[in-house]
Amino acid sequence: MPGKWGQFRALGVDERRLLVVALVWLPMVQIGLRMVGYRRMRQLLSRLVPNTPALPEVGYRTESRTLENARRVGRMVNIAAGRRPLRATCLARSLLTWWLLRRWGIAGTVVFGVPVTGLAFAAHAWVEVAGVVVNDAPDVRERFGGLEAVTTPPAKSHYHP
């Protein structure tokens, strides 16, 4: 079984880049959420999105390709969350996933939910693209009823990882 470095080298170039970006930004998002809260942190991240594409368009336009790319972003953020010394919350992971998707011109929705069954109160957050969960288990909506969905349009970028 390959070590962590071997696993990293086995990733594609785009996935490596996404993972490094997630490793850098995840702790900042986590700290930002604690310091200024969700709405303010979302506003701050929205301001950081470039108005012009950072990379040239690569031509991926089909919905299935968009979902594949969105899932890849969610997976790399989740991998980064598992590698951090401080465990990232589902909200930090979801907000970072939403922001990365927005950077690449993919409209994502942060969904908040509470368990459908059970007496204890808990909350959970995940990201959906076109109604498809991209950073959590596909059945998360059945386990957690969606309370609020926050959608903002993507930035004007044509780059898809």
C-alpha atoms as a PDB file:
ATOM      1  CA  MET A   1       0.000   0.000   0.000  1.00  0.00           C
ATOM      2  CA  PRO A   2       1.556   3.317  -1.021  1.00  0.00           C
ATOM      3  CA  GLY A   3       2.329   5.951   1.572  1.00  0.00           C
ATOM      4  CA  LYS A   4       0.857   9.432   1.633  1.00  0.00           C
ATOM      5  CA  TRP A   5       3.430  10.755  -0.834  1.00  0.00           C
ATOM      6  CA  GLY A   6       2.704   7.873  -3.221  1.00  0.00           C
ATOM      7  CA  GLN A   7      -1.025   8.525  -2.942  1.00  0.00           C
ATOM      8  CA  PHE A   8      -0.441  12.204  -3.702  1.00  0.00           C
ATOM      9  CA  ARG A   9       1.718  11.383  -6.729  1.00  0.00           C
ATOM     10  CA  ALA A  10      -0.978   9.010  -7.994  1.00  0.00           C
ATOM     11  CA  LEU A  11      -3.424  11.922  -8.284  1.00  0.00           C
ATOM     12  CA  GLY A  12      -3.801  13.831 -11.513  1.00  0.00           C
ATOM     13  CA  VAL A  13      -2.288  17.301 -11.848  1.00  0.00           C
ATOM     14  CA  ASP A  14      -5.663  19.028 -11.359  1.00  0.00           C
ATOM     15  CA  GLU A  15      -6.430  16.925  -8.300  1.00  0.00           C
ATOM     16  CA  ARG A  16      -3.032  17.686  -6.769  1.00  0.00           C
ATOM     17  CA  ARG A  17      -3.589  21.389  -7.290  1.00  0.00           C
ATOM     18  CA  LEU A  18      -7.082  21.175  -5.764  1.00  0.00           C
ATOM     19  CA  LEU A  19      -5.745  19.246  -2.785  1.00  0.00           C
ATOM     20  CA  VAL A  20      -2.989  21.786  -2.122  1.00  0.00           C
ATOM     21  CA  VAL A  21      -5.451  24.686  -2.407  1.00  0.00           C
ATOM     22  CA  ALA A  22      -7.823  22.882  -0.033  1.00  0.00           C
ATOM     23  CA  LEU A  23      -5.013  22.203   2.455  1.00  0.00           C
ATOM     24  CA  VAL A  24      -4.121  25.900   2.494  1.00  0.00           C
ATOM     25  CA  TRP A  25      -7.643  27.350   2.550  1.00  0.00           C
ATOM     26  CA  LEU A  26      -9.467  24.918   4.830  1.00  0.00           C
ATOM     27  CA  PRO A  27      -7.890  26.121   8.093  1.00  0.00           C
ATOM     28  CA  MET A  28      -8.520  29.735   7.059  1.00  0.00           C
ATOM     29  CA  VAL A  29     -12.187  29.007   6.369  1.00  0.00           C
ATOM     30  CA  GLN A  30     -12.505  27.124   9.669  1.00  0.00           C
ATOM     31  CA  ILE A  31     -10.971  30.020  11.618  1.00  0.00           C
ATOM     32  CA  GLY A  32     -13.007  32.568   9.661  1.00  0.00           C
ATOM     33  CA  LEU A  33     -16.241  30.772  10.503  1.00  0.00           C
ATOM     34  CA  ARG A  34     -15.385  30.902  14.196  1.00  0.00           C
ATOM     35  CA  MET A  35     -14.380  34.559  14.064  1.00  0.00           C
ATOM     36  CA  VAL A  36     -17.001  36.155  11.808  1.00  0.00           C
ATOM     37  CA  GLY A  37     -19.704  33.518  11.247  1.00  0.00           C
ATOM     38  CA  TYR A  38     -21.120  31.851   8.173  1.00  0.00           C
ATOM     39  CA  ARG A  39     -22.746  34.763   6.344  1.00  0.00           C
ATOM     40  CA  ARG A  40     -19.795  37.109   6.705  1.00  0.00           C
ATOM     41  CA  MET A  41     -17.295  34.401   5.748  1.00  0.00           C
ATOM     42  CA  ARG A  42     -19.338  33.572   2.648  1.00  0.00           C
ATOM     43  CA  GLN A  43     -19.323  37.260   1.707  1.00  0.00           C
ATOM     44  CA  LEU A  44     -15.570  37.486   2.214  1.00  0.00           C
ATOM     45  CA  LEU A  45     -14.935  34.417   0.061  1.00  0.00           C
ATOM     46  CA  SER A  46     -17.246  35.773  -2.641  1.00  0.00           C
ATOM     47  CA  ARG A  47     -15.114  38.913  -2.840  1.00  0.00           C
ATOM     48  CA  LEU A  48     -11.968  36.851  -3.392  1.00  0.00           C
ATOM     49  CA  VAL A  49     -13.275  35.161  -6.529  1.00  0.00           C
ATOM     50  CA  PRO A  50     -11.518  36.560  -9.577  1.00  0.00           C
ATOM     51  CA  ASN A  51     -13.687  38.341 -12.128  1.00  0.00           C
ATOM     52  CA  THR A  52     -11.765  36.878 -15.040  1.00  0.00           C
ATOM     53  CA  PRO A  53     -10.721  33.278 -15.615  1.00  0.00           C
ATOM     54  CA  ALA A  54      -7.337  32.430 -14.130  1.00  0.00           C
ATOM     55  CA  LEU A  55      -6.778  29.688 -16.678  1.00  0.00           C
ATOM     56  CA  PRO A  56      -7.919  29.322 -20.278  1.00  0.00           C
ATOM     57  CA  GLU A  57     -11.138  27.512 -21.047  1.00  0.00           C
ATOM     58  CA  VAL A  58     -10.612  23.799 -21.571  1.00  0.00           C
ATOM     59  CA  GLY A  59     -13.954  23.147 -23.200  1.00  0.00           C
ATOM     60  CA  TYR A  60     -15.795  20.882 -20.748  1.00  0.00           C
ATOM     61  CA  ARG A  61     -19.436  21.851 -21.126  1.00  0.00           C
ATOM     62  CA  THR A  62     -21.607  18.812 -20.540  1.00  0.00           C
ATOM     63  CA  GLU A  63     -23.602  18.484 -17.338  1.00  0.00           C
ATOM     64  CA  SER A  64     -22.092  15.085 -16.555  1.00  0.00           C
ATOM     65  CA  ARG A  65     -18.594  16.541 -16.870  1.00  0.00           C
ATOM     66  CA  THR A  66     -19.588  19.439 -14.600  1.00  0.00           C
ATOM     67  CA  LEU A  67     -20.894  17.011 -11.967  1.00  0.00           C
ATOM     68  CA  GLU A  68     -17.760  14.908 -12.282  1.00  0.00           C
ATOM     69  CA  ASN A  69     -15.610  18.000 -11.724  1.00  0.00           C
ATOM     70  CA  ALA A  70     -17.782  19.136  -8.812  1.00  0.00           C
ATOM     71  CA  ARG A  71     -17.449  15.723  -7.148  1.00  0.00           C
ATOM     72  CA  ARG A  72     -13.693  15.875  -7.670  1.00  0.00           C
ATOM     73  CA  VAL A  73     -13.563  19.232  -5.862  1.00  0.00           C
ATOM     74  CA  GLY A  74     -15.657  17.831  -3.001  1.00  0.00           C
ATOM     75  CA  ARG A  75     -13.450  14.759  -2.752  1.00  0.00           C
ATOM     76  CA  MET A  76     -10.212  16.770  -2.616  1.00  0.00           C
ATOM     77  CA  VAL A  77     -11.634  19.065   0.086  1.00  0.00           C
ATOM     78  CA  ASN A  78     -12.695  16.014   2.101  1.00  0.00           C
ATOM     79  CA  ILE A  79      -9.241  14.461   1.698  1.00  0.00           C
ATOM     80  CA  ALA A  80      -7.669  17.715   2.873  1.00  0.00           C
ATOM     81  CA  ALA A  81     -10.025  17.772   5.865  1.00  0.00           C
ATOM     82  CA  GLY A  82      -8.810  14.315   6.834  1.00  0.00           C
ATOM     83  CA  ARG A  83      -5.155  15.421   6.708  1.00  0.00           C
ATOM     84  CA  ARG A  84      -5.396  18.483   8.927  1.00  0.00           C
ATOM     85  CA  PRO A  85      -4.337  18.421  12.566  1.00  0.00           C
ATOM     86  CA  LEU A  86      -7.581  20.136  13.533  1.00  0.00           C
ATOM     87  CA  ARG A  87     -10.667  18.393  12.245  1.00  0.00           C
ATOM     88  CA  ALA A  88     -12.656  20.601   9.861  1.00  0.00           C
ATOM     89  CA  THR A  89     -16.383  20.871  10.392  1.00  0.00           C
ATOM     90  CA  CYS A  90     -18.878  19.921   7.702  1.00  0.00           C
ATOM     91  CA  LEU A  91     -19.681  23.629   7.377  1.00  0.00           C
ATOM     92  CA  ALA A  92     -16.040  24.572   6.710  1.00  0.00           C
ATOM     93  CA  ARG A  93     -15.698  21.734   4.183  1.00  0.00           C
ATOM     94  CA  SER A  94     -18.939  22.721   2.477  1.00  0.00           C
ATOM     95  CA  LEU A  95     -18.174  26.433   2.363  1.00  0.00           C
ATOM     96  CA  LEU A  96     -14.741  25.767   0.871  1.00  0.00           C
ATOM     97  CA  THR A  97     -16.231  23.344  -1.669  1.00  0.00           C
ATOM     98  CA  TRP A  98     -18.865  25.939  -2.607  1.00  0.00           C
ATOM     99  CA  TRP A  99     -16.198  28.605  -3.051  1.00  0.00           C
ATOM    100  CA  LEU A 100     -13.898  26.424  -5.157  1.00  0.00           C
ATOM    101  CA  LEU A 101     -16.816  25.434  -7.369  1.00  0.00           C
ATOM    102  CA  ARG A 102     -17.761  29.098  -7.725  1.00  0.00           C
ATOM    103  CA  ARG A 103     -14.191  29.954  -8.756  1.00  0.00           C
ATOM    104  CA  TRP A 104     -14.465  27.500 -11.620  1.00  0.00           C
ATOM    105  CA  GLY A 105     -17.850  28.683 -12.779  1.00  0.00           C
ATOM    106  CA  ILE A 106     -19.933  25.886 -11.257  1.00  0.00           C
ATOM    107  CA  ALA A 107     -23.045  26.986  -9.356  1.00  0.00           C
ATOM    108  CA  GLY A 108     -23.215  25.101  -6.079  1.00  0.00           C
ATOM    109  CA  THR A 109     -25.683  25.240  -3.232  1.00  0.00           C
ATOM    110  CA  VAL A 110     -24.797  24.939   0.448  1.00  0.00           C
ATOM    111  CA  VAL A 111     -27.590  22.980   2.119  1.00  0.00           C
ATOM    112  CA  PHE A 112     -28.177  22.860   5.882  1.00  0.00           C
ATOM    113  CA  GLY A 113     -30.111  20.050   7.501  1.00  0.00           C
ATOM    114  CA  VAL A 114     -31.009  18.318  10.729  1.00  0.00           C
ATOM    115  CA  PRO A 115     -31.482  14.591  11.282  1.00  0.00           C
ATOM    116  CA  VAL A 116     -34.840  13.316  10.119  1.00  0.00           C
ATOM    117  CA  THR A 117     -34.998  10.783  12.955  1.00  0.00           C
ATOM    118  CA  GLY A 118     -33.669  10.841  16.495  1.00  0.00           C
ATOM    119  CA  LEU A 119     -34.195  13.023  19.509  1.00  0.00           C
ATOM    120  CA  ALA A 120     -30.807  14.696  19.811  1.00  0.00           C
ATOM    121  CA  PHE A 121     -30.330  17.949  17.932  1.00  0.00           C
ATOM    122  CA  ALA A 122     -27.574  17.965  15.375  1.00  0.00           C
ATOM    123  CA  ALA A 123     -26.937  19.935  12.231  1.00  0.00           C
ATOM    124  CA  HIS A 124     -25.116  19.138   9.019  1.00  0.00           C
ATOM    125  CA  ALA A 125     -24.056  20.978   5.877  1.00  0.00           C
ATOM    126  CA  TRP A 126     -23.274  19.731   2.380  1.00  0.00           C
ATOM    127  CA  VAL A 127     -23.030  21.033  -1.192  1.00  0.00           C
ATOM    128  CA  GLU A 128     -25.256  20.175  -4.123  1.00  0.00           C
ATOM    129  CA  VAL A 129     -24.840  20.958  -7.808  1.00  0.00           C
ATOM    130  CA  ALA A 130     -28.000  20.692  -9.893  1.00  0.00           C
ATOM    131  CA  GLY A 131     -29.617  18.818  -6.973  1.00  0.00           C
ATOM    132  CA  VAL A 132     -26.782  16.246  -6.768  1.00  0.00           C
ATOM    133  CA  VAL A 133     -24.701  15.950  -3.581  1.00  0.00           C
ATOM    134  CA  VAL A 134     -21.021  16.494  -4.416  1.00  0.00           C
ATOM    135  CA  ASN A 135     -19.180  16.442  -1.079  1.00  0.00           C
ATOM    136  CA  ASP A 136     -21.070  13.922   1.023  1.00  0.00           C
ATOM    137  CA  ALA A 137     -22.852  10.575   0.785  1.00  0.00           C
ATOM    138  CA  PRO A 138     -25.583  10.500  -1.881  1.00  0.00           C
ATOM    139  CA  ASP A 139     -28.234   9.699   0.760  1.00  0.00           C
ATOM    140  CA  VAL A 140     -27.442  12.698   2.998  1.00  0.00           C
ATOM    141  CA  ARG A 141     -30.715  14.417   2.075  1.00  0.00           C
ATOM    142  CA  GLU A 142     -32.672  11.354   3.268  1.00  0.00           C
ATOM    143  CA  ARG A 143     -30.804  11.317   6.576  1.00  0.00           C
ATOM    144  CA  PHE A 144     -30.901  15.102   7.086  1.00  0.00           C
ATOM    145  CA  GLY A 145     -33.876  17.137   6.007  1.00  0.00           C
ATOM    146  CA  GLY A 146     -32.737  20.199   4.083  1.00  0.00           C
ATOM    147  CA  LEU A 147     -33.599  23.370   6.023  1.00  0.00           C
ATOM    148  CA  GLU A 148     -32.005  26.084   3.962  1.00  0.00           C
ATOM    149  CA  ALA A 149     -30.195  26.201   0.669  1.00  0.00           C
ATOM    150  CA  VAL A 150     -27.884  29.070  -0.133  1.00  0.00           C
ATOM    151  CA  THR A 151     -27.127  29.497  -3.815  1.00  0.00           C
ATOM    152  CA  THR A 152     -25.106  32.221  -5.402  1.00  0.00           C
ATOM    153  CA  PRO A 153     -24.185  32.477  -9.048  1.00  0.00           C
ATOM    154  CA  PRO A 154     -20.720  31.300 -10.013  1.00  0.00           C
ATOM    155  CA  ALA A 155     -17.990  33.710 -10.935  1.00  0.00           C
ATOM    156  CA  LYS A 156     -17.429  34.442 -14.599  1.00  0.00           C
ATOM    157  CA  SER A 157     -14.914  31.700 -15.219  1.00  0.00           C
ATOM    158  CA  HIS A 158     -14.782  29.007 -17.804  1.00  0.00           C
ATOM    159  CA  TYR A 159     -12.121  26.862 -16.219  1.00  0.00           C
ATOM    160  CA  HIS A 160     -13.214  23.460 -14.948  1.00  0.00           C
ATOM    161  CA  PRO A 161     -10.735  21.224 -13.127  1.00  0.00           C
END
